[in-house]
Amino acid sequence: MGQHATGTHAPAAGPELPERYALVNLIGVGGMASIWAAEDSLLRRRVAIKVLAEQFTEQPRFVARFQREARTAAQLSGHPHVITIYDVGEHDGRPFIVMEHLAGGTFAERMTSGRPAPEEVLKWLREAASALDFAHE
């Protein structure tokens, strides 16, 4: 659990989702969910989809936590440093969150690919602090 995966995995082993979403590749895996890049055929754009891990779908506590995360993220979507949520749903008993896809890679990839410049790190911290201030308002 808590492992990180890069976007090089084929979508063949991916979760079942509504037809409008075609999986492209796995972006990452965390303790409760996986995140996939997908094409949204209805809106004709690349999206990121977070899907609750199958082993948690029968546990109401984890489903409720995932749904609470989706609602909270959707309420904060208006801030420039908070990801935009496009859709929330459930398919074959598996909750998912469809959100804006950011093509720049993951934070973990960035940190392991070389030491970022101090100015860049300070910029990231200012952006994160701004988003946290917004969330706490």
N, C-alpha and C. Protein backbone atom coordinates (compact mmCIF):
# COMPACT_ATOMS: atom_id res chain seq x y z
N MET A 1 0.83 -1.19 0.00
CA MET A 1 0.00 0.00 0.00
C MET A 1 0.87 1.24 0.00
N GLY A 2 0.30 2.35 -0.49
CA GLY A 2 1.05 3.58 -0.53
C GLY A 2 2.13 3.58 -1.59
N GLN A 3 2.11 2.56 -2.48
CA GLN A 3 3.11 2.50 -3.52
C GLN A 3 2.78 3.53 -4.59
N HIS A 4 3.82 3.96 -5.26
CA HIS A 4 3.62 4.92 -6.34
C HIS A 4 3.92 4.23 -7.65
N ALA A 5 3.06 4.43 -8.60
CA ALA A 5 3.29 3.88 -9.94
C ALA A 5 3.32 5.02 -10.92
N THR A 6 4.12 4.87 -11.95
CA THR A 6 4.19 5.91 -12.97
C THR A 6 3.22 5.61 -14.09
N GLY A 7 3.11 6.53 -15.02
CA GLY A 7 2.15 6.41 -16.10
C GLY A 7 2.57 5.48 -17.22
N THR A 8 3.32 4.43 -16.98
CA THR A 8 3.78 3.55 -18.04
C THR A 8 2.99 2.25 -18.09
N HIS A 9 2.03 2.06 -17.24
CA HIS A 9 1.29 0.82 -17.19
C HIS A 9 0.15 0.82 -18.19
N ALA A 10 -0.06 -0.31 -18.84
CA ALA A 10 -1.14 -0.46 -19.81
C ALA A 10 -2.48 -0.45 -19.10
N PRO A 11 -3.53 0.04 -19.73
CA PRO A 11 -4.83 0.11 -19.09
C PRO A 11 -5.58 -1.21 -19.02
N ALA A 12 -5.05 -2.30 -19.57
CA ALA A 12 -5.76 -3.57 -19.64
C ALA A 12 -6.27 -4.04 -18.27
N ALA A 13 -5.52 -3.82 -17.22
CA ALA A 13 -5.91 -4.29 -15.89
C ALA A 13 -6.73 -3.25 -15.14
N GLY A 14 -7.16 -2.23 -15.82
CA GLY A 14 -7.85 -1.14 -15.16
C GLY A 14 -9.27 -1.47 -14.75
N PRO A 15 -9.84 -0.61 -13.93
CA PRO A 15 -11.20 -0.82 -13.44
C PRO A 15 -12.24 -0.59 -14.54
N GLU A 16 -13.39 -1.18 -14.37
CA GLU A 16 -14.51 -0.94 -15.27
C GLU A 16 -15.10 0.43 -14.94
N LEU A 17 -15.31 1.23 -15.98
CA LEU A 17 -15.89 2.57 -15.82
C LEU A 17 -16.99 2.76 -16.85
N PRO A 18 -17.81 3.80 -16.70
CA PRO A 18 -18.82 4.06 -17.74
C PRO A 18 -18.16 4.18 -19.12
N GLU A 19 -18.91 3.81 -20.16
CA GLU A 19 -18.39 3.77 -21.53
C GLU A 19 -17.74 5.06 -22.00
N ARG A 20 -18.20 6.16 -21.50
CA ARG A 20 -17.65 7.44 -21.98
C ARG A 20 -16.18 7.63 -21.63
N TYR A 21 -15.66 6.86 -20.67
CA TYR A 21 -14.27 6.99 -20.24
C TYR A 21 -13.42 5.83 -20.77
N ALA A 22 -12.42 6.14 -21.58
CA ALA A 22 -11.50 5.13 -22.10
C ALA A 22 -10.17 5.30 -21.38
N LEU A 23 -9.78 4.28 -20.62
CA LEU A 23 -8.53 4.36 -19.87
C LEU A 23 -7.35 4.46 -20.82
N VAL A 24 -6.38 5.31 -20.44
CA VAL A 24 -5.17 5.50 -21.22
C VAL A 24 -4.00 4.83 -20.51
N ASN A 25 -3.78 5.20 -19.26
CA ASN A 25 -2.70 4.60 -18.48
C ASN A 25 -2.88 4.87 -17.00
N LEU A 26 -2.19 4.07 -16.21
CA LEU A 26 -2.19 4.23 -14.77
C LEU A 26 -1.24 5.35 -14.39
N ILE A 27 -1.73 6.29 -13.60
CA ILE A 27 -0.90 7.41 -13.15
C ILE A 27 -0.25 7.07 -11.81
N GLY A 28 -1.03 6.51 -10.88
CA GLY A 28 -0.47 6.20 -9.58
C GLY A 28 -1.41 5.35 -8.74
N VAL A 29 -0.85 4.76 -7.70
CA VAL A 29 -1.61 3.92 -6.78
C VAL A 29 -1.30 4.36 -5.36
N GLY A 30 -2.35 4.56 -4.57
CA GLY A 30 -2.18 4.93 -3.18
C GLY A 30 -2.77 3.86 -2.28
N GLY A 31 -2.96 4.19 -1.03
CA GLY A 31 -3.46 3.23 -0.06
C GLY A 31 -4.91 2.84 -0.26
N MET A 32 -5.73 3.75 -0.80
CA MET A 32 -7.16 3.49 -0.95
C MET A 32 -7.63 3.47 -2.40
N ALA A 33 -6.84 3.99 -3.31
CA ALA A 33 -7.35 4.17 -4.67
C ALA A 33 -6.23 4.18 -5.70
N SER A 34 -6.64 4.07 -6.94
CA SER A 34 -5.71 4.23 -8.06
C SER A 34 -6.20 5.42 -8.88
N ILE A 35 -5.25 6.04 -9.58
CA ILE A 35 -5.60 7.18 -10.43
C ILE A 35 -5.17 6.85 -11.85
N TRP A 36 -6.10 7.05 -12.76
CA TRP A 36 -5.91 6.70 -14.16
C TRP A 36 -6.08 7.92 -15.05
N ALA A 37 -5.28 8.01 -16.10
CA ALA A 37 -5.54 8.97 -17.17
C ALA A 37 -6.56 8.31 -18.09
N ALA A 38 -7.51 9.08 -18.56
CA ALA A 38 -8.55 8.54 -19.44
C ALA A 38 -8.99 9.61 -20.43
N GLU A 39 -9.59 9.17 -21.51
CA GLU A 39 -10.21 10.07 -22.46
C GLU A 39 -11.70 10.09 -22.21
N ASP A 40 -12.26 11.28 -22.06
CA ASP A 40 -13.70 11.44 -21.89
C ASP A 40 -14.28 11.69 -23.27
N SER A 41 -14.99 10.71 -23.82
CA SER A 41 -15.51 10.83 -25.19
C SER A 41 -16.63 11.85 -25.30
N LEU A 42 -17.35 12.08 -24.23
CA LEU A 42 -18.45 13.05 -24.27
C LEU A 42 -17.91 14.48 -24.31
N LEU A 43 -16.96 14.79 -23.45
CA LEU A 43 -16.40 16.15 -23.40
C LEU A 43 -15.16 16.30 -24.26
N ARG A 44 -14.68 15.19 -24.83
CA ARG A 44 -13.52 15.18 -25.72
C ARG A 44 -12.29 15.83 -25.09
N ARG A 45 -11.94 15.29 -23.93
CA ARG A 45 -10.74 15.79 -23.26
C ARG A 45 -10.15 14.69 -22.38
N ARG A 46 -8.89 14.86 -22.07
CA ARG A 46 -8.18 13.95 -21.16
C ARG A 46 -8.58 14.32 -19.74
N VAL A 47 -8.84 13.31 -18.93
CA VAL A 47 -9.20 13.51 -17.53
C VAL A 47 -8.37 12.55 -16.68
N ALA A 48 -8.38 12.79 -15.39
CA ALA A 48 -7.80 11.86 -14.42
C ALA A 48 -8.97 11.28 -13.63
N ILE A 49 -8.93 9.97 -13.40
CA ILE A 49 -10.02 9.32 -12.68
C ILE A 49 -9.45 8.57 -11.49
N LYS A 50 -9.94 8.94 -10.32
CA LYS A 50 -9.54 8.26 -9.09
C LYS A 50 -10.62 7.23 -8.76
N VAL A 51 -10.19 5.98 -8.60
CA VAL A 51 -11.13 4.87 -8.38
C VAL A 51 -10.80 4.19 -7.06
N LEU A 52 -11.81 4.02 -6.22
CA LEU A 52 -11.61 3.34 -4.95
C LEU A 52 -11.16 1.90 -5.21
N ALA A 53 -10.17 1.46 -4.48
CA ALA A 53 -9.66 0.09 -4.62
C ALA A 53 -10.77 -0.92 -4.34
N GLU A 54 -10.78 -1.98 -5.13
CA GLU A 54 -11.84 -2.97 -5.05
C GLU A 54 -12.01 -3.56 -3.65
N GLN A 55 -10.92 -3.76 -2.93
CA GLN A 55 -11.02 -4.37 -1.60
C GLN A 55 -11.75 -3.49 -0.58
N PHE A 56 -11.98 -2.21 -0.91
CA PHE A 56 -12.67 -1.31 0.01
C PHE A 56 -14.13 -1.06 -0.35
N THR A 57 -14.59 -1.56 -1.50
CA THR A 57 -15.94 -1.25 -1.97
C THR A 57 -17.04 -1.83 -1.09
N GLU A 58 -16.74 -2.87 -0.33
CA GLU A 58 -17.74 -3.49 0.56
C GLU A 58 -17.63 -2.98 1.99
N GLN A 59 -16.77 -1.99 2.21
CA GLN A 59 -16.58 -1.46 3.55
C GLN A 59 -17.14 -0.03 3.60
N PRO A 60 -18.33 0.12 4.20
CA PRO A 60 -19.01 1.42 4.21
C PRO A 60 -18.14 2.58 4.71
N ARG A 61 -17.27 2.31 5.65
CA ARG A 61 -16.42 3.38 6.20
C ARG A 61 -15.51 3.96 5.11
N PHE A 62 -14.93 3.10 4.27
CA PHE A 62 -14.05 3.57 3.21
C PHE A 62 -14.82 4.23 2.07
N VAL A 63 -15.99 3.68 1.75
CA VAL A 63 -16.83 4.28 0.71
C VAL A 63 -17.25 5.68 1.14
N ALA A 64 -17.67 5.82 2.40
CA ALA A 64 -18.10 7.13 2.91
C ALA A 64 -16.93 8.12 2.89
N ARG A 65 -15.77 7.66 3.26
CA ARG A 65 -14.58 8.54 3.26
C ARG A 65 -14.26 9.01 1.84
N PHE A 66 -14.33 8.08 0.88
CA PHE A 66 -14.06 8.42 -0.51
C PHE A 66 -15.09 9.44 -1.03
N GLN A 67 -16.36 9.21 -0.72
CA GLN A 67 -17.42 10.13 -1.15
C GLN A 67 -17.27 11.50 -0.49
N ARG A 68 -16.85 11.53 0.77
CA ARG A 68 -16.62 12.80 1.47
C ARG A 68 -15.47 13.55 0.80
N GLU A 69 -14.42 12.83 0.41
CA GLU A 69 -13.31 13.45 -0.30
C GLU A 69 -13.79 14.08 -1.61
N ALA A 70 -14.64 13.37 -2.33
CA ALA A 70 -15.16 13.87 -3.60
C ALA A 70 -15.97 15.15 -3.40
N ARG A 71 -16.85 15.15 -2.41
CA ARG A 71 -17.67 16.35 -2.14
C ARG A 71 -16.81 17.54 -1.72
N THR A 72 -15.85 17.29 -0.85
CA THR A 72 -14.97 18.36 -0.39
C THR A 72 -14.16 18.92 -1.54
N ALA A 73 -13.59 18.06 -2.35
CA ALA A 73 -12.79 18.52 -3.49
C ALA A 73 -13.65 19.32 -4.47
N ALA A 74 -14.87 18.87 -4.69
CA ALA A 74 -15.77 19.59 -5.61
C ALA A 74 -16.09 20.99 -5.09
N GLN A 75 -16.26 21.12 -3.78
CA GLN A 75 -16.56 22.43 -3.19
C GLN A 75 -15.38 23.39 -3.30
N LEU A 76 -14.17 22.86 -3.37
CA LEU A 76 -12.97 23.69 -3.43
C LEU A 76 -12.49 23.94 -4.86
N SER A 77 -13.15 23.36 -5.83
CA SER A 77 -12.68 23.39 -7.21
C SER A 77 -12.53 24.79 -7.81
N GLY A 78 -13.11 25.80 -7.20
CA GLY A 78 -13.02 27.15 -7.76
C GLY A 78 -11.68 27.83 -7.57
N HIS A 79 -10.80 27.26 -6.79
CA HIS A 79 -9.51 27.88 -6.51
C HIS A 79 -8.49 27.48 -7.58
N PRO A 80 -7.62 28.41 -8.01
CA PRO A 80 -6.67 28.09 -9.09
C PRO A 80 -5.64 27.02 -8.74
N HIS A 81 -5.45 26.71 -7.46
CA HIS A 81 -4.47 25.70 -7.08
C HIS A 81 -5.13 24.46 -6.48
N VAL A 82 -6.40 24.28 -6.80
CA VAL A 82 -7.13 23.08 -6.41
C VAL A 82 -7.66 22.45 -7.69
N ILE A 83 -7.47 21.17 -7.84
CA ILE A 83 -7.88 20.46 -9.04
C ILE A 83 -9.39 20.59 -9.25
N THR A 84 -9.82 20.71 -10.49
CA THR A 84 -11.24 20.82 -10.80
C THR A 84 -11.86 19.43 -10.90
N ILE A 85 -12.98 19.25 -10.21
CA ILE A 85 -13.73 18.00 -10.26
C ILE A 85 -14.81 18.14 -11.33
N TYR A 86 -14.85 17.17 -12.26
CA TYR A 86 -15.84 17.19 -13.34
C TYR A 86 -17.03 16.28 -13.07
N ASP A 87 -16.79 15.19 -12.37
CA ASP A 87 -17.86 14.21 -12.19
C ASP A 87 -17.52 13.33 -10.99
N VAL A 88 -18.55 12.81 -10.37
CA VAL A 88 -18.42 11.84 -9.29
C VAL A 88 -19.46 10.78 -9.57
N GLY A 89 -19.10 9.53 -9.40
CA GLY A 89 -20.07 8.49 -9.66
C GLY A 89 -19.67 7.16 -9.09
N GLU A 90 -20.42 6.15 -9.50
CA GLU A 90 -20.17 4.78 -9.09
C GLU A 90 -20.50 3.91 -10.29
N HIS A 91 -19.63 2.94 -10.56
CA HIS A 91 -19.88 2.01 -11.66
C HIS A 91 -19.60 0.60 -11.17
N ASP A 92 -20.58 -0.27 -11.31
CA ASP A 92 -20.48 -1.64 -10.81
C ASP A 92 -20.04 -1.67 -9.34
N GLY A 93 -20.60 -0.76 -8.55
CA GLY A 93 -20.32 -0.73 -7.12
C GLY A 93 -19.00 -0.10 -6.73
N ARG A 94 -18.31 0.50 -7.70
CA ARG A 94 -17.01 1.12 -7.41
C ARG A 94 -17.07 2.63 -7.59
N PRO A 95 -16.94 3.37 -6.49
CA PRO A 95 -16.96 4.84 -6.58
C PRO A 95 -15.74 5.37 -7.34
N PHE A 96 -15.97 6.48 -8.06
CA PHE A 96 -14.88 7.13 -8.77
C PHE A 96 -15.08 8.64 -8.77
N ILE A 97 -13.97 9.36 -8.98
CA ILE A 97 -13.97 10.82 -9.08
C ILE A 97 -13.26 11.16 -10.38
N VAL A 98 -13.93 11.95 -11.23
CA VAL A 98 -13.32 12.39 -12.49
C VAL A 98 -12.88 13.83 -12.30
N MET A 99 -11.60 14.07 -12.60
CA MET A 99 -11.05 15.40 -12.36
C MET A 99 -10.16 15.85 -13.51
N GLU A 100 -9.78 17.08 -13.41
CA GLU A 100 -8.84 17.69 -14.35
C GLU A 100 -7.56 16.86 -14.41
N HIS A 101 -7.05 16.69 -15.61
CA HIS A 101 -5.78 15.97 -15.80
C HIS A 101 -4.67 17.00 -15.97
N LEU A 102 -3.66 16.91 -15.15
CA LEU A 102 -2.50 17.80 -15.25
C LEU A 102 -1.34 16.98 -15.80
N ALA A 103 -0.85 17.35 -16.96
CA ALA A 103 0.11 16.53 -17.70
C ALA A 103 1.55 16.64 -17.19
N GLY A 104 1.81 17.43 -16.20
CA GLY A 104 3.18 17.66 -15.77
C GLY A 104 3.84 16.54 -14.99
N GLY A 105 3.15 15.44 -14.75
CA GLY A 105 3.72 14.36 -13.96
C GLY A 105 3.35 14.52 -12.50
N THR A 106 3.76 13.55 -11.71
CA THR A 106 3.43 13.59 -10.29
C THR A 106 4.51 14.31 -9.50
N PHE A 107 4.15 14.71 -8.30
CA PHE A 107 5.12 15.35 -7.41
C PHE A 107 6.26 14.39 -7.10
N ALA A 108 5.93 13.13 -6.85
CA ALA A 108 6.96 12.14 -6.54
C ALA A 108 7.94 11.98 -7.70
N GLU A 109 7.43 11.96 -8.93
CA GLU A 109 8.32 11.86 -10.10
C GLU A 109 9.25 13.07 -10.18
N ARG A 110 8.68 14.21 -9.90
CA ARG A 110 9.48 15.45 -9.95
C ARG A 110 10.59 15.45 -8.91
N MET A 111 10.28 14.94 -7.73
CA MET A 111 11.26 14.92 -6.66
C MET A 111 12.36 13.90 -6.90
N THR A 112 12.06 12.81 -7.59
CA THR A 112 13.07 11.78 -7.85
C THR A 112 13.85 12.02 -9.13
N SER A 113 13.39 12.95 -9.97
CA SER A 113 14.08 13.20 -11.24
C SER A 113 15.20 14.23 -11.11
N GLY A 114 15.42 14.71 -9.95
CA GLY A 114 16.46 15.72 -9.73
C GLY A 114 15.98 16.75 -8.74
N ARG A 115 16.90 17.42 -8.16
CA ARG A 115 16.57 18.41 -7.13
C ARG A 115 15.98 19.66 -7.78
N PRO A 116 14.74 20.01 -7.42
CA PRO A 116 14.15 21.23 -7.98
C PRO A 116 14.83 22.48 -7.43
N ALA A 117 14.79 23.53 -8.19
CA ALA A 117 15.37 24.79 -7.76
C ALA A 117 14.62 25.33 -6.55
N PRO A 118 15.32 25.98 -5.62
CA PRO A 118 14.65 26.52 -4.43
C PRO A 118 13.48 27.45 -4.77
N GLU A 119 13.62 28.23 -5.85
CA GLU A 119 12.53 29.13 -6.25
C GLU A 119 11.27 28.35 -6.63
N GLU A 120 11.48 27.21 -7.28
CA GLU A 120 10.35 26.39 -7.68
C GLU A 120 9.67 25.77 -6.46
N VAL A 121 10.45 25.31 -5.50
CA VAL A 121 9.90 24.75 -4.28
C VAL A 121 9.11 25.81 -3.52
N LEU A 122 9.63 27.02 -3.44
CA LEU A 122 8.92 28.10 -2.76
C LEU A 122 7.61 28.42 -3.48
N LYS A 123 7.62 28.38 -4.79
CA LYS A 123 6.39 28.61 -5.57
C LYS A 123 5.36 27.54 -5.24
N TRP A 124 5.78 26.27 -5.19
CA TRP A 124 4.87 25.18 -4.85
C TRP A 124 4.28 25.38 -3.46
N LEU A 125 5.13 25.77 -2.51
CA LEU A 125 4.67 25.98 -1.14
C LEU A 125 3.67 27.13 -1.06
N ARG A 126 3.93 28.23 -1.77
CA ARG A 126 2.98 29.36 -1.78
C ARG A 126 1.64 28.92 -2.37
N GLU A 127 1.68 28.15 -3.46
CA GLU A 127 0.44 27.68 -4.08
C GLU A 127 -0.33 26.75 -3.15
N ALA A 128 0.37 25.83 -2.50
CA ALA A 128 -0.28 24.90 -1.57
C ALA A 128 -0.86 25.67 -0.37
N ALA A 129 -0.11 26.63 0.14
CA ALA A 129 -0.61 27.44 1.27
C ALA A 129 -1.85 28.23 0.88
N SER A 130 -1.86 28.77 -0.34
CA SER A 130 -3.02 29.51 -0.82
C SER A 130 -4.24 28.59 -0.89
N ALA A 131 -4.05 27.38 -1.39
CA ALA A 131 -5.16 26.43 -1.48
C ALA A 131 -5.65 26.03 -0.08
N LEU A 132 -4.73 25.83 0.85
CA LEU A 132 -5.11 25.50 2.23
C LEU A 132 -5.86 26.64 2.88
N ASP A 133 -5.43 27.87 2.67
CA ASP A 133 -6.15 29.03 3.20
C ASP A 133 -7.58 29.06 2.67
N PHE A 134 -7.73 28.82 1.38
CA PHE A 134 -9.04 28.79 0.73
C PHE A 134 -9.91 27.70 1.35
N ALA A 135 -9.34 26.53 1.57
CA ALA A 135 -10.09 25.41 2.15
C ALA A 135 -10.56 25.73 3.57
N HIS A 136 -9.75 26.45 4.32
CA HIS A 136 -10.10 26.74 5.72
C HIS A 136 -11.02 27.93 5.87
N GLU A 137 -11.22 28.69 4.79
CA GLU A 137 -12.18 29.80 4.84
C GLU A 137 -13.56 29.20 4.86
